[in-house]
Amino acid sequence: MQLEIDGWRLRLTFSAAHVMIGHRRCGRLHGHDYAISVSLEGEPDADGVIIDFGELKELVRGIAMELDHKFLVAKKHKNVSIDGENVRIRSGKSEYIVPISDCALLDVHQTSAEEIATWVGERLRKKLAGRSNISTLRVNVEEGMGQSVWQTIKLRR
């Protein structure tokens, strides 16, 4: 059985700035409006649900709020460094120095939609741990309407 929530319709969204370090076109500071949609596959539990829709929406909303109005930073990229209270990002001929409090430090190599979807999927996987009735988690991160990446995570075999 499959359950889905639509990020745009349910306002599971965030707005954020980022730099795709070294990218020809997206290597400059810019931003997007993002939406997070989720699909779960599994079997209803003793209460007759895969997961309560309200609970799932709150889990996703919490993740979106971590990223909302933040500068998304690829913490694993070699051109990113943290100097005390600031994050320093070098991309091409540009250097950005941003207060750490304005950043969401993501454990990724690049702030592409693909890596953001992987990061969101991992966060949600941890929040769903222990739910043996859910077999598959699919996370969709849309970078503006119509441009999306799906990340599929098997929770159990």
Protein backbone atom coordinates (compact mmCIF):
# COMPACT_ATOMS: atom_id res chain seq x y z
CA MET A 1 0.00 0.00 0.00
CA GLN A 2 1.25 3.53 -0.77
CA LEU A 3 0.64 6.81 1.07
CA GLU A 4 1.62 10.24 -0.32
CA ILE A 5 1.73 13.85 0.79
CA ASP A 6 2.17 16.71 -1.70
CA GLY A 7 4.60 19.40 -0.58
CA TRP A 8 3.20 22.27 -2.66
CA ARG A 9 -0.45 21.62 -1.79
CA LEU A 10 0.28 21.13 1.91
CA ARG A 11 2.81 23.99 2.07
CA LEU A 12 5.66 21.73 3.11
CA THR A 13 7.99 24.28 1.59
CA PHE A 14 11.08 26.32 2.28
CA SER A 15 12.92 29.19 0.63
CA ALA A 16 16.70 29.12 0.66
CA ALA A 17 19.83 30.49 -0.96
CA HIS A 18 22.76 28.41 -2.10
CA VAL A 19 25.83 28.26 -4.31
CA MET A 20 26.66 25.16 -6.32
CA ILE A 21 30.39 25.49 -5.87
CA GLY A 22 32.28 25.36 -9.16
CA HIS A 23 29.16 24.90 -11.29
CA ARG A 24 29.30 26.81 -14.57
CA ARG A 25 25.87 28.41 -14.28
CA CYS A 26 24.78 27.90 -10.68
CA GLY A 27 28.12 28.69 -9.00
CA ARG A 28 26.87 32.12 -7.98
CA LEU A 29 24.65 33.00 -5.05
CA HIS A 30 20.99 32.41 -5.92
CA GLY A 31 17.85 31.02 -4.33
CA HIS A 32 14.81 28.85 -4.84
CA ASP A 33 11.46 27.99 -3.38
CA TYR A 34 11.49 24.28 -2.59
CA ALA A 35 8.77 21.76 -1.73
CA ILE A 36 9.14 18.39 -0.04
CA SER A 37 6.75 15.61 -0.99
CA VAL A 38 6.85 12.13 0.50
CA SER A 39 5.59 8.70 -0.51
CA LEU A 40 5.62 5.76 1.89
CA GLU A 41 5.05 2.11 1.07
CA GLY A 42 4.00 -0.26 3.79
CA GLU A 43 1.16 -1.98 5.56
CA PRO A 44 -1.38 -0.46 7.93
CA ASP A 45 -0.51 -0.88 11.61
CA ALA A 46 -2.88 -1.95 14.41
CA ASP A 47 -4.65 1.43 14.10
CA GLY A 48 -5.27 0.80 10.41
CA VAL A 49 -2.81 3.41 9.07
CA ILE A 50 0.67 3.34 7.56
CA ILE A 51 1.29 6.57 9.48
CA ASP A 52 -1.04 9.35 10.57
CA PHE A 53 -1.03 12.06 7.88
CA GLY A 54 -0.74 14.78 10.53
CA GLU A 55 2.29 13.16 12.10
CA LEU A 56 4.04 12.75 8.75
CA LYS A 57 3.31 16.36 7.78
CA GLU A 58 4.78 17.58 11.08
CA LEU A 59 7.94 15.52 10.56
CA VAL A 60 8.41 16.97 7.07
CA ARG A 61 7.48 20.49 8.19
CA GLY A 62 10.17 20.28 10.90
CA ILE A 63 12.81 19.41 8.30
CA ALA A 64 11.62 22.20 6.00
CA MET A 65 11.84 24.71 8.87
CA GLU A 66 15.49 23.75 9.47
CA LEU A 67 16.21 24.95 5.91
CA ASP A 68 13.77 27.85 5.54
CA HIS A 69 15.35 31.26 4.97
CA LYS A 70 18.83 29.82 5.34
CA PHE A 71 21.95 29.73 3.20
CA LEU A 72 22.36 26.04 2.34
CA VAL A 73 26.01 25.04 2.72
CA ALA A 74 27.69 21.84 1.49
CA LYS A 75 29.73 21.17 4.61
CA LYS A 76 31.77 18.38 2.95
CA HIS A 77 32.96 20.50 -0.01
CA LYS A 78 36.70 21.28 0.02
CA ASN A 79 35.97 24.98 -0.67
CA VAL A 80 33.90 25.38 2.50
CA SER A 81 35.46 26.26 5.83
CA ILE A 82 34.10 27.35 9.18
CA ASP A 83 36.01 30.17 10.87
CA GLY A 84 34.53 30.70 14.32
CA GLU A 85 31.13 32.30 13.81
CA ASN A 86 31.36 32.49 10.01
CA VAL A 87 31.21 30.12 7.08
CA ARG A 88 33.55 30.81 4.17
CA ILE A 89 32.63 29.53 0.70
CA ARG A 90 34.85 29.89 -2.37
CA SER A 91 33.28 29.35 -5.80
CA GLY A 92 35.12 30.45 -8.91
CA LYS A 93 36.31 34.03 -8.39
CA SER A 94 33.75 34.66 -5.64
CA GLU A 95 34.11 34.27 -1.91
CA TYR A 96 31.15 34.36 0.45
CA ILE A 97 31.47 34.92 4.18
CA VAL A 98 28.19 34.21 5.94
CA PRO A 99 27.33 34.17 9.65
CA ILE A 100 26.95 30.55 10.72
CA SER A 101 23.58 31.44 12.27
CA ASP A 102 22.26 32.22 8.76
CA CYS A 103 23.37 28.84 7.40
CA ALA A 104 22.03 25.31 7.26
CA LEU A 105 25.17 23.18 7.27
CA LEU A 106 24.31 20.06 5.28
CA ASP A 107 26.47 16.95 5.44
CA VAL A 108 26.79 16.84 1.62
CA HIS A 109 29.40 17.63 -1.06
CA GLN A 110 27.18 19.96 -3.11
CA THR A 111 23.87 21.76 -2.60
CA SER A 112 22.27 20.28 -5.70
CA ALA A 113 18.65 19.18 -5.58
CA GLU A 114 19.96 15.61 -5.71
CA GLU A 115 22.07 15.98 -2.59
CA ILE A 116 19.41 18.00 -0.77
CA ALA A 117 16.92 15.19 -1.47
CA THR A 118 19.42 12.66 -0.11
CA TRP A 119 19.94 14.77 3.03
CA VAL A 120 16.18 15.22 3.57
CA GLY A 121 15.63 11.50 2.99
CA GLU A 122 18.22 10.56 5.58
CA ARG A 123 16.72 12.95 8.14
CA LEU A 124 13.27 11.51 7.56
CA ARG A 125 14.57 7.93 7.62
CA LYS A 126 15.93 8.53 11.13
CA LYS A 127 12.61 10.00 12.25
CA LEU A 128 10.73 6.94 10.92
CA ALA A 129 13.12 4.42 12.51
CA GLY A 130 11.33 1.77 14.49
CA ARG A 131 8.22 1.73 12.29
CA SER A 132 8.40 -1.84 11.08
CA ASN A 133 5.25 -1.49 8.95
CA ILE A 134 6.93 0.98 6.54
CA SER A 135 9.08 -0.67 3.86
CA THR A 136 10.01 2.16 1.48
CA LEU A 137 10.47 5.91 1.84
CA ARG A 138 10.48 8.12 -1.25
CA VAL A 139 11.35 11.80 -0.85
CA ASN A 140 10.78 14.36 -3.60
CA VAL A 141 12.54 17.72 -3.40
CA GLU A 142 11.27 20.19 -5.96
CA GLU A 143 13.53 23.12 -6.80
CA GLY A 144 10.73 25.33 -8.06
CA MET A 145 7.67 23.78 -9.64
CA GLY A 146 8.39 21.13 -12.23
CA GLN A 147 12.04 20.39 -11.37
CA SER A 148 12.31 17.57 -8.89
CA VAL A 149 14.49 14.78 -7.61
CA TRP A 150 13.18 11.58 -6.04
CA GLN A 151 15.28 9.76 -3.43
CA THR A 152 14.19 6.19 -2.64
CA ILE A 153 15.26 4.54 0.62
CA LYS A 154 14.45 0.94 1.53
CA LEU A 155 13.65 0.84 5.24
CA ARG A 156 13.28 -2.93 5.44
CA ARG A 157 13.71 -5.79 3.02
